[in-house]
Amino acid sequence: MAFGSNSGGDFSEINITPLTDVFMILFLLMIVIAPMINETALPLDPPKAANGKAIASKVKAINLEIDAEGLIAINGKKLDEKPIDPDQVASRVGERLEEVL
């Protein structure tokens, strides 16, 4: 079956008009159908976590205050009435933290 005037030569011309028509029709159908898919979608509720912890409810703020004289207070409660040596601040605060809270 011959496609052109060449009777034994290479086939050099391809008619892409029908292929273009098919793609254009598919493109138009997708443009029309896409908004309908979004509107008719079922409302989905995300699942709730069954084994999660509520972190925000258990978090407690700790306010550590050191005044100009060197007195330390945790949440407004003074650790000592006299200033603490700077080398012992971490150990003293750690010891008294659970008592104050």
PDB file of N, CA and C in Angstrom:
ATOM      1  N   MET A   1       0.840  -1.165   0.000  1.00  0.00           N
ATOM      2  CA  MET A   1       0.000   0.000   0.000  1.00  0.00           C
ATOM      3  C   MET A   1       0.892   1.236   0.000  1.00  0.00           C
ATOM      4  N   ALA A   2       0.703   2.093  -0.931  1.00  0.00           N
ATOM      5  CA  ALA A   2       1.526   3.280  -1.074  1.00  0.00           C
ATOM      6  C   ALA A   2       0.835   4.474  -0.433  1.00  0.00           C
ATOM      7  N   PHE A   3       1.612   5.291   0.276  1.00  0.00           N
ATOM      8  CA  PHE A   3       1.070   6.457   0.945  1.00  0.00           C
ATOM      9  C   PHE A   3       1.338   7.750   0.190  1.00  0.00           C
ATOM     10  N   GLY A   4       2.103   7.764  -0.764  1.00  0.00           N
ATOM     11  CA  GLY A   4       2.413   8.983  -1.486  1.00  0.00           C
ATOM     12  C   GLY A   4       2.813   8.643  -2.900  1.00  0.00           C
ATOM     13  N   SER A   5       3.448   9.557  -3.534  1.00  0.00           N
ATOM     14  CA  SER A   5       3.865   9.344  -4.907  1.00  0.00           C
ATOM     15  C   SER A   5       5.137   8.526  -4.984  1.00  0.00           C
ATOM     16  N   ASN A   6       5.838   8.371  -3.836  1.00  0.00           N
ATOM     17  CA  ASN A   6       7.059   7.572  -3.829  1.00  0.00           C
ATOM     18  C   ASN A   6       6.661   6.099  -3.822  1.00  0.00           C
ATOM     19  N   SER A   7       7.168   5.381  -4.724  1.00  0.00           N
ATOM     20  CA  SER A   7       6.787   3.973  -4.809  1.00  0.00           C
ATOM     21  C   SER A   7       7.935   3.084  -4.394  1.00  0.00           C
ATOM     22  N   GLY A   8       8.582   3.248  -3.427  1.00  0.00           N
ATOM     23  CA  GLY A   8       9.682   2.421  -2.994  1.00  0.00           C
ATOM     24  C   GLY A   8      10.647   3.199  -2.139  1.00  0.00           C
ATOM     25  N   GLY A   9      10.368   4.468  -1.968  1.00  0.00           N
ATOM     26  CA  GLY A   9      11.237   5.300  -1.147  1.00  0.00           C
ATOM     27  C   GLY A   9      10.814   5.268   0.319  1.00  0.00           C
ATOM     28  N   ASP A  10      11.471   6.066   1.101  1.00  0.00           N
ATOM     29  CA  ASP A  10      11.154   6.146   2.522  1.00  0.00           C
ATOM     30  C   ASP A  10       9.826   6.876   2.743  1.00  0.00           C
ATOM     31  N   PHE A  11       9.172   6.490   3.805  1.00  0.00           N
ATOM     32  CA  PHE A  11       7.935   7.148   4.195  1.00  0.00           C
ATOM     33  C   PHE A  11       8.326   8.377   5.014  1.00  0.00           C
ATOM     34  N   SER A  12       8.189   9.569   4.472  1.00  0.00           N
ATOM     35  CA  SER A  12       8.724  10.759   5.113  1.00  0.00           C
ATOM     36  C   SER A  12       7.650  11.672   5.692  1.00  0.00           C
ATOM     37  N   GLU A  13       6.386  11.464   5.400  1.00  0.00           N
ATOM     38  CA  GLU A  13       5.354  12.344   5.913  1.00  0.00           C
ATOM     39  C   GLU A  13       4.374  11.553   6.767  1.00  0.00           C
ATOM     40  N   ILE A  14       4.084  12.082   7.953  1.00  0.00           N
ATOM     41  CA  ILE A  14       3.105  11.467   8.838  1.00  0.00           C
ATOM     42  C   ILE A  14       2.015  12.503   9.077  1.00  0.00           C
ATOM     43  N   ASN A  15       0.802  12.080   8.927  1.00  0.00           N
ATOM     44  CA  ASN A  15      -0.322  12.985   9.145  1.00  0.00           C
ATOM     45  C   ASN A  15      -0.670  12.946  10.636  1.00  0.00           C
ATOM     46  N   ILE A  16      -0.393  14.038  11.364  1.00  0.00           N
ATOM     47  CA  ILE A  16      -0.653  14.062  12.801  1.00  0.00           C
ATOM     48  C   ILE A  16      -1.949  14.796  13.144  1.00  0.00           C
ATOM     49  N   THR A  17      -2.721  15.182  12.154  1.00  0.00           N
ATOM     50  CA  THR A  17      -3.970  15.895  12.409  1.00  0.00           C
ATOM     51  C   THR A  17      -4.960  15.059  13.224  1.00  0.00           C
ATOM     52  N   PRO A  18      -5.189  13.788  12.917  1.00  0.00           N
ATOM     53  CA  PRO A  18      -6.129  13.012  13.742  1.00  0.00           C
ATOM     54  C   PRO A  18      -5.634  12.846  15.189  1.00  0.00           C
ATOM     55  N   LEU A  19      -4.336  12.662  15.360  1.00  0.00           N
ATOM     56  CA  LEU A  19      -3.769  12.531  16.700  1.00  0.00           C
ATOM     57  C   LEU A  19      -3.945  13.833  17.482  1.00  0.00           C
ATOM     58  N   THR A  20      -3.719  14.961  16.840  1.00  0.00           N
ATOM     59  CA  THR A  20      -3.902  16.259  17.472  1.00  0.00           C
ATOM     60  C   THR A  20      -5.363  16.470  17.864  1.00  0.00           C
ATOM     61  N   ASP A  21      -6.270  16.054  16.999  1.00  0.00           N
ATOM     62  CA  ASP A  21      -7.696  16.188  17.307  1.00  0.00           C
ATOM     63  C   ASP A  21      -8.072  15.371  18.540  1.00  0.00           C
ATOM     64  N   VAL A  22      -7.562  14.169  18.640  1.00  0.00           N
ATOM     65  CA  VAL A  22      -7.859  13.315  19.789  1.00  0.00           C
ATOM     66  C   VAL A  22      -7.322  13.956  21.068  1.00  0.00           C
ATOM     67  N   PHE A  23      -6.097  14.464  21.032  1.00  0.00           N
ATOM     68  CA  PHE A  23      -5.528  15.102  22.221  1.00  0.00           C
ATOM     69  C   PHE A  23      -6.300  16.367  22.605  1.00  0.00           C
ATOM     70  N   MET A  24      -6.739  17.130  21.651  1.00  0.00           N
ATOM     71  CA  MET A  24      -7.506  18.334  21.948  1.00  0.00           C
ATOM     72  C   MET A  24      -8.838  17.985  22.612  1.00  0.00           C
ATOM     73  N   ILE A  25      -9.507  16.934  22.123  1.00  0.00           N
ATOM     74  CA  ILE A  25     -10.779  16.514  22.723  1.00  0.00           C
ATOM     75  C   ILE A  25     -10.548  16.030  24.155  1.00  0.00           C
ATOM     76  N   LEU A  26      -9.490  15.242  24.376  1.00  0.00           N
ATOM     77  CA  LEU A  26      -9.183  14.774  25.728  1.00  0.00           C
ATOM     78  C   LEU A  26      -8.856  15.938  26.650  1.00  0.00           C
ATOM     79  N   PHE A  27      -8.120  16.895  26.154  1.00  0.00           N
ATOM     80  CA  PHE A  27      -7.771  18.068  26.949  1.00  0.00           C
ATOM     81  C   PHE A  27      -9.022  18.853  27.346  1.00  0.00           C
ATOM     82  N   LEU A  28      -9.927  19.064  26.404  1.00  0.00           N
ATOM     83  CA  LEU A  28     -11.162  19.785  26.701  1.00  0.00           C
ATOM     84  C   LEU A  28     -12.016  19.019  27.708  1.00  0.00           C
ATOM     85  N   LEU A  29     -12.087  17.701  27.584  1.00  0.00           N
ATOM     86  CA  LEU A  29     -12.845  16.902  28.548  1.00  0.00           C
ATOM     87  C   LEU A  29     -12.254  17.032  29.954  1.00  0.00           C
ATOM     88  N   MET A  30     -10.944  17.031  30.050  1.00  0.00           N
ATOM     89  CA  MET A  30     -10.309  17.165  31.362  1.00  0.00           C
ATOM     90  C   MET A  30     -10.571  18.543  31.954  1.00  0.00           C
ATOM     91  N   ILE A  31     -10.573  19.576  31.122  1.00  0.00           N
ATOM     92  CA  ILE A  31     -10.846  20.921  31.612  1.00  0.00           C
ATOM     93  C   ILE A  31     -12.277  21.007  32.144  1.00  0.00           C
ATOM     94  N   VAL A  32     -13.212  20.349  31.496  1.00  0.00           N
ATOM     95  CA  VAL A  32     -14.605  20.388  31.918  1.00  0.00           C
ATOM     96  C   VAL A  32     -14.827  19.518  33.151  1.00  0.00           C
ATOM     97  N   ILE A  33     -14.200  18.355  33.215  1.00  0.00           N
ATOM     98  CA  ILE A  33     -14.453  17.391  34.289  1.00  0.00           C
ATOM     99  C   ILE A  33     -13.704  17.749  35.578  1.00  0.00           C
ATOM    100  N   ALA A  34     -12.533  18.345  35.499  1.00  0.00           N
ATOM    101  CA  ALA A  34     -11.715  18.621  36.692  1.00  0.00           C
ATOM    102  C   ALA A  34     -12.443  19.449  37.755  1.00  0.00           C
ATOM    103  N   PRO A  35     -13.138  20.533  37.433  1.00  0.00           N
ATOM    104  CA  PRO A  35     -13.863  21.258  38.492  1.00  0.00           C
ATOM    105  C   PRO A  35     -14.988  20.437  39.120  1.00  0.00           C
ATOM    106  N   MET A  36     -15.612  19.558  38.352  1.00  0.00           N
ATOM    107  CA  MET A  36     -16.684  18.720  38.896  1.00  0.00           C
ATOM    108  C   MET A  36     -16.161  17.709  39.909  1.00  0.00           C
ATOM    109  N   ILE A  37     -14.986  17.199  39.674  1.00  0.00           N
ATOM    110  CA  ILE A  37     -14.397  16.223  40.602  1.00  0.00           C
ATOM    111  C   ILE A  37     -14.129  16.882  41.943  1.00  0.00           C
ATOM    112  N   ASN A  38     -13.649  18.106  41.926  1.00  0.00           N
ATOM    113  CA  ASN A  38     -13.354  18.822  43.167  1.00  0.00           C
ATOM    114  C   ASN A  38     -14.626  19.127  43.948  1.00  0.00           C
ATOM    115  N   GLU A  39     -15.711  19.477  43.299  1.00  0.00           N
ATOM    116  CA  GLU A  39     -16.956  19.835  43.973  1.00  0.00           C
ATOM    117  C   GLU A  39     -17.681  18.623  44.541  1.00  0.00           C
ATOM    118  N   THR A  40     -17.592  17.499  43.896  1.00  0.00           N
ATOM    119  CA  THR A  40     -18.346  16.330  44.330  1.00  0.00           C
ATOM    120  C   THR A  40     -17.537  15.401  45.224  1.00  0.00           C
ATOM    121  N   ALA A  41     -16.376  15.822  45.623  1.00  0.00           N
ATOM    122  CA  ALA A  41     -15.547  14.971  46.477  1.00  0.00           C
ATOM    123  C   ALA A  41     -16.203  14.808  47.839  1.00  0.00           C
ATOM    124  N   LEU A  42     -16.066  13.627  48.400  1.00  0.00           N
ATOM    125  CA  LEU A  42     -16.626  13.368  49.721  1.00  0.00           C
ATOM    126  C   LEU A  42     -15.812  14.093  50.783  1.00  0.00           C
ATOM    127  N   PRO A  43     -16.473  14.665  51.771  1.00  0.00           N
ATOM    128  CA  PRO A  43     -15.717  15.314  52.848  1.00  0.00           C
ATOM    129  C   PRO A  43     -15.021  14.246  53.705  1.00  0.00           C
ATOM    130  N   LEU A  44     -13.769  14.450  53.950  1.00  0.00           N
ATOM    131  CA  LEU A  44     -12.988  13.490  54.723  1.00  0.00           C
ATOM    132  C   LEU A  44     -12.574  14.105  56.045  1.00  0.00           C
ATOM    133  N   ASP A  45     -12.718  13.350  57.104  1.00  0.00           N
ATOM    134  CA  ASP A  45     -12.240  13.763  58.416  1.00  0.00           C
ATOM    135  C   ASP A  45     -10.937  13.035  58.697  1.00  0.00           C
ATOM    136  N   PRO A  46      -9.866  13.752  59.039  1.00  0.00           N
ATOM    137  CA  PRO A  46      -8.608  13.063  59.319  1.00  0.00           C
ATOM    138  C   PRO A  46      -8.748  12.202  60.571  1.00  0.00           C
ATOM    139  N   PRO A  47      -8.044  11.085  60.614  1.00  0.00           N
ATOM    140  CA  PRO A  47      -8.150  10.196  61.777  1.00  0.00           C
ATOM    141  C   PRO A  47      -7.545  10.831  63.021  1.00  0.00           C
ATOM    142  N   LYS A  48      -8.070  10.448  64.159  1.00  0.00           N
ATOM    143  CA  LYS A  48      -7.559  10.928  65.443  1.00  0.00           C
ATOM    144  C   LYS A  48      -6.490   9.953  65.942  1.00  0.00           C
ATOM    145  N   ALA A  49      -5.476  10.469  66.585  1.00  0.00           N
ATOM    146  CA  ALA A  49      -4.413   9.626  67.124  1.00  0.00           C
ATOM    147  C   ALA A  49      -4.916   8.937  68.384  1.00  0.00           C
ATOM    148  N   ALA A  50      -4.796   7.622  68.423  1.00  0.00           N
ATOM    149  CA  ALA A  50      -5.288   6.865  69.574  1.00  0.00           C
ATOM    150  C   ALA A  50      -4.243   6.765  70.676  1.00  0.00           C
ATOM    151  N   ASN A  51      -2.978   6.779  70.314  1.00  0.00           N
ATOM    152  CA  ASN A  51      -1.913   6.560  71.291  1.00  0.00           C
ATOM    153  C   ASN A  51      -1.043   7.785  71.501  1.00  0.00           C
ATOM    154  N   GLY A  52      -1.564   8.954  71.294  1.00  0.00           N
ATOM    155  CA  GLY A  52      -0.761  10.161  71.444  1.00  0.00           C
ATOM    156  C   GLY A  52      -0.898  10.749  72.838  1.00  0.00           C
ATOM    157  N   LYS A  53       0.043  11.602  73.176  1.00  0.00           N
ATOM    158  CA  LYS A  53       0.022  12.288  74.460  1.00  0.00           C
ATOM    159  C   LYS A  53      -0.261  13.768  74.230  1.00  0.00           C
ATOM    160  N   ALA A  54      -0.996  14.348  75.117  1.00  0.00           N
ATOM    161  CA  ALA A  54      -1.239  15.788  75.066  1.00  0.00           C
ATOM    162  C   ALA A  54      -0.090  16.479  75.794  1.00  0.00           C
ATOM    163  N   ILE A  55       0.861  16.965  75.041  1.00  0.00           N
ATOM    164  CA  ILE A  55       2.058  17.555  75.635  1.00  0.00           C
ATOM    165  C   ILE A  55       1.754  18.916  76.257  1.00  0.00           C
ATOM    166  N   ALA A  56       0.927  19.685  75.601  1.00  0.00           N
ATOM    167  CA  ALA A  56       0.679  21.051  76.067  1.00  0.00           C
ATOM    168  C   ALA A  56       0.034  21.078  77.454  1.00  0.00           C
ATOM    169  N   SER A  57      -0.775  20.081  77.780  1.00  0.00           N
ATOM    170  CA  SER A  57      -1.450  20.113  79.069  1.00  0.00           C
ATOM    171  C   SER A  57      -0.525  19.733  80.228  1.00  0.00           C
ATOM    172  N   LYS A  58       0.555  19.011  79.940  1.00  0.00           N
ATOM    173  CA  LYS A  58       1.452  18.578  81.001  1.00  0.00           C
ATOM    174  C   LYS A  58       2.682  19.466  81.147  1.00  0.00           C
ATOM    175  N   VAL A  59       2.870  20.377  80.235  1.00  0.00           N
ATOM    176  CA  VAL A  59       4.040  21.248  80.286  1.00  0.00           C
ATOM    177  C   VAL A  59       3.795  22.344  81.312  1.00  0.00           C
ATOM    178  N   LYS A  60       4.769  22.539  82.177  1.00  0.00           N
ATOM    179  CA  LYS A  60       4.652  23.563  83.198  1.00  0.00           C
ATOM    180  C   LYS A  60       5.854  24.495  83.060  1.00  0.00           C
ATOM    181  N   ALA A  61       5.587  25.769  83.070  1.00  0.00           N
ATOM    182  CA  ALA A  61       6.658  26.746  82.927  1.00  0.00           C
ATOM    183  C   ALA A  61       7.415  26.888  84.243  1.00  0.00           C
ATOM    184  N   ILE A  62       8.720  27.026  84.142  1.00  0.00           N
ATOM    185  CA  ILE A  62       9.581  27.235  85.307  1.00  0.00           C
ATOM    186  C   ILE A  62      10.267  28.578  85.124  1.00  0.00           C
ATOM    187  N   ASN A  63      10.048  29.468  86.056  1.00  0.00           N
ATOM    188  CA  ASN A  63      10.685  30.780  86.014  1.00  0.00           C
ATOM    189  C   ASN A  63      11.823  30.801  87.028  1.00  0.00           C
ATOM    190  N   LEU A  64      13.025  30.943  86.548  1.00  0.00           N
ATOM    191  CA  LEU A  64      14.214  31.032  87.396  1.00  0.00           C
ATOM    192  C   LEU A  64      14.662  32.488  87.404  1.00  0.00           C
ATOM    193  N   GLU A  65      14.673  33.087  88.582  1.00  0.00           N
ATOM    194  CA  GLU A  65      15.019  34.498  88.705  1.00  0.00           C
ATOM    195  C   GLU A  65      16.265  34.655  89.569  1.00  0.00           C
ATOM    196  N   ILE A  66      17.167  35.489  89.098  1.00  0.00           N
ATOM    197  CA  ILE A  66      18.359  35.837  89.877  1.00  0.00           C
ATOM    198  C   ILE A  66      18.391  37.360  89.944  1.00  0.00           C
ATOM    199  N   ASP A  67      18.331  37.904  91.151  1.00  0.00           N
ATOM    200  CA  ASP A  67      18.315  39.360  91.270  1.00  0.00           C
ATOM    201  C   ASP A  67      19.739  39.913  91.328  1.00  0.00           C
ATOM    202  N   ALA A  68      19.852  41.219  91.484  1.00  0.00           N
ATOM    203  CA  ALA A  68      21.150  41.895  91.458  1.00  0.00           C
ATOM    204  C   ALA A  68      22.047  41.480  92.618  1.00  0.00           C
ATOM    205  N   GLU A  69      21.454  41.088  93.750  1.00  0.00           N
ATOM    206  CA  GLU A  69      22.263  40.662  94.894  1.00  0.00           C
ATOM    207  C   GLU A  69      22.708  39.212  94.804  1.00  0.00           C
ATOM    208  N   GLY A  70      22.164  38.453  93.837  1.00  0.00           N
ATOM    209  CA  GLY A  70      22.543  37.049  93.683  1.00  0.00           C
ATOM    210  C   GLY A  70      21.571  36.079  94.327  1.00  0.00           C
ATOM    211  N   LEU A  71      20.424  36.557  94.778  1.00  0.00           N
ATOM    212  CA  LEU A  71      19.412  35.672  95.346  1.00  0.00           C
ATOM    213  C   LEU A  71      18.656  34.977  94.220  1.00  0.00           C
ATOM    214  N   ILE A  72      18.409  33.671  94.391  1.00  0.00           N
ATOM    215  CA  ILE A  72      17.770  32.869  93.348  1.00  0.00           C
ATOM    216  C   ILE A  72      16.366  32.494  93.811  1.00  0.00           C
ATOM    217  N   ALA A  73      15.403  32.624  92.878  1.00  0.00           N
ATOM    218  CA  ALA A  73      14.027  32.234  93.155  1.00  0.00           C
ATOM    219  C   ALA A  73      13.503  31.406  91.984  1.00  0.00           C
ATOM    220  N   ILE A  74      12.759  30.354  92.322  1.00  0.00           N
ATOM    221  CA  ILE A  74      12.123  29.520  91.297  1.00  0.00           C
ATOM    222  C   ILE A  74      10.620  29.704  91.441  1.00  0.00           C
ATOM    223  N   ASN A  75       9.987  30.173  90.400  1.00  0.00           N
ATOM    224  CA  ASN A  75       8.550  30.477  90.383  1.00  0.00           C
ATOM    225  C   ASN A  75       8.156  31.371  91.565  1.00  0.00           C
ATOM    226  N   GLY A  76       8.977  32.315  91.891  1.00  0.00           N
ATOM    227  CA  GLY A  76       8.681  33.277  92.946  1.00  0.00           C
ATOM    228  C   GLY A  76       9.064  32.831  94.342  1.00  0.00           C
ATOM    229  N   LYS A  77       9.537  31.594  94.521  1.00  0.00           N
ATOM    230  CA  LYS A  77       9.941  31.101  95.851  1.00  0.00           C
ATOM    231  C   LYS A  77      11.459  31.144  95.950  1.00  0.00           C
ATOM    232  N   LYS A  78      11.950  31.836  96.960  1.00  0.00           N
ATOM    233  CA  LYS A  78      13.397  31.972  97.132  1.00  0.00           C
ATOM    234  C   LYS A  78      14.007  30.657  97.601  1.00  0.00           C
ATOM    235  N   LEU A  79      15.207  30.363  97.052  1.00  0.00           N
ATOM    236  CA  LEU A  79      15.919  29.155  97.490  1.00  0.00           C
ATOM    237  C   LEU A  79      16.561  29.375  98.856  1.00  0.00           C
ATOM    238  N   ASP A  80      17.258  30.469  99.003  1.00  0.00           N
ATOM    239  CA  ASP A  80      17.931  30.808 100.258  1.00  0.00           C
ATOM    240  C   ASP A  80      17.784  32.298 100.499  1.00  0.00           C
ATOM    241  N   GLU A  81      18.035  32.686 101.713  1.00  0.00           N
ATOM    242  CA  GLU A  81      17.990  34.110 102.067  1.00  0.00           C
ATOM    243  C   GLU A  81      19.318  34.799 101.801  1.00  0.00           C
ATOM    244  N   LYS A  82      20.364  34.023 101.550  1.00  0.00           N
ATOM    245  CA  LYS A  82      21.672  34.606 101.254  1.00  0.00           C
ATOM    246  C   LYS A  82      22.096  34.188  99.854  1.00  0.00           C
ATOM    247  N   PRO A  83      22.937  34.958  99.196  1.00  0.00           N
ATOM    248  CA  PRO A  83      23.390  34.615  97.847  1.00  0.00           C
ATOM    249  C   PRO A  83      24.148  33.288  97.819  1.00  0.00           C
ATOM    250  N   ILE A  84      24.004  32.559  96.726  1.00  0.00           N
ATOM    251  CA  ILE A  84      24.661  31.263  96.550  1.00  0.00           C
ATOM    252  C   ILE A  84      25.922  31.478  95.728  1.00  0.00           C
ATOM    253  N   ASP A  85      26.969  30.700  96.052  1.00  0.00           N
ATOM    254  CA  ASP A  85      28.219  30.749  95.299  1.00  0.00           C
ATOM    255  C   ASP A  85      27.940  30.357  93.839  1.00  0.00           C
ATOM    256  N   PRO A  86      28.446  31.092  92.856  1.00  0.00           N
ATOM    257  CA  PRO A  86      28.161  30.798  91.446  1.00  0.00           C
ATOM    258  C   PRO A  86      28.526  29.375  91.025  1.00  0.00           C
ATOM    259  N   ASP A  87      29.521  28.763  91.644  1.00  0.00           N
ATOM    260  CA  ASP A  87      29.895  27.395  91.278  1.00  0.00           C
ATOM    261  C   ASP A  87      28.866  26.370  91.757  1.00  0.00           C
ATOM    262  N   GLN A  88      28.040  26.723  92.742  1.00  0.00           N
ATOM    263  CA  GLN A  88      27.080  25.797  93.312  1.00  0.00           C
ATOM    264  C   GLN A  88      25.642  26.053  92.858  1.00  0.00           C
ATOM    265  N   VAL A  89      25.440  26.973  91.950  1.00  0.00           N
ATOM    266  CA  VAL A  89      24.081  27.331  91.529  1.00  0.00           C
ATOM    267  C   VAL A  89      23.373  26.128  90.906  1.00  0.00           C
ATOM    268  N   ALA A  90      24.031  25.435  90.001  1.00  0.00           N
ATOM    269  CA  ALA A  90      23.379  24.321  89.305  1.00  0.00           C
ATOM    270  C   ALA A  90      22.979  23.215  90.275  1.00  0.00           C
ATOM    271  N   SER A  91      23.854  22.859  91.191  1.00  0.00           N
ATOM    272  CA  SER A  91      23.535  21.783  92.127  1.00  0.00           C
ATOM    273  C   SER A  91      22.435  22.203  93.095  1.00  0.00           C
ATOM    274  N   ARG A  92      22.460  23.432  93.575  1.00  0.00           N
ATOM    275  CA  ARG A  92      21.438  23.912  94.522  1.00  0.00           C
ATOM    276  C   ARG A  92      20.060  24.017  93.850  1.00  0.00           C
ATOM    277  N   VAL A  93      20.049  24.504  92.627  1.00  0.00           N
ATOM    278  CA  VAL A  93      18.777  24.618  91.919  1.00  0.00           C
ATOM    279  C   VAL A  93      18.225  23.227  91.646  1.00  0.00           C
ATOM    280  N   GLY A  94      19.087  22.298  91.237  1.00  0.00           N
ATOM    281  CA  GLY A  94      18.642  20.928  90.980  1.00  0.00           C
ATOM    282  C   GLY A  94      18.075  20.257  92.217  1.00  0.00           C
ATOM    283  N   GLU A  95      18.697  20.492  93.373  1.00  0.00           N
ATOM    284  CA  GLU A  95      18.217  19.898  94.622  1.00  0.00           C
ATOM    285  C   GLU A  95      16.852  20.438  95.021  1.00  0.00           C
ATOM    286  N   ARG A  96      16.670  21.716  94.864  1.00  0.00           N
ATOM    287  CA  ARG A  96      15.461  22.372  95.382  1.00  0.00           C
ATOM    288  C   ARG A  96      14.342  22.458  94.349  1.00  0.00           C
ATOM    289  N   LEU A  97      14.599  22.070  93.116  1.00  0.00           N
ATOM    290  CA  LEU A  97      13.602  22.243  92.060  1.00  0.00           C
ATOM    291  C   LEU A  97      12.326  21.452  92.345  1.00  0.00           C
ATOM    292  N   GLU A  98      12.471  20.205  92.749  1.00  0.00           N
ATOM    293  CA  GLU A  98      11.284  19.394  92.999  1.00  0.00           C
ATOM    294  C   GLU A  98      10.537  19.861  94.241  1.00  0.00           C
ATOM    295  N   GLU A  99      11.235  20.386  95.227  1.00  0.00           N
ATOM    296  CA  GLU A  99      10.571  20.897  96.422  1.00  0.00           C
ATOM    297  C   GLU A  99       9.718  22.114  96.093  1.00  0.00           C
ATOM    298  N   VAL A 100      10.232  22.987  95.277  1.00  0.00           N
ATOM    299  CA  VAL A 100       9.526  24.224  94.952  1.00  0.00           C
ATOM    300  C   VAL A 100       8.324  23.948  94.063  1.00  0.00           C
ATOM    301  N   LEU A 101       8.463  23.020  93.133  1.00  0.00           N
ATOM    302  CA  LEU A 101       7.352  22.728  92.220  1.00  0.00           C
ATOM    303  C   LEU A 101       6.339  21.886  92.931  1.00  0.00           C
TER     304      LEU A 101
END
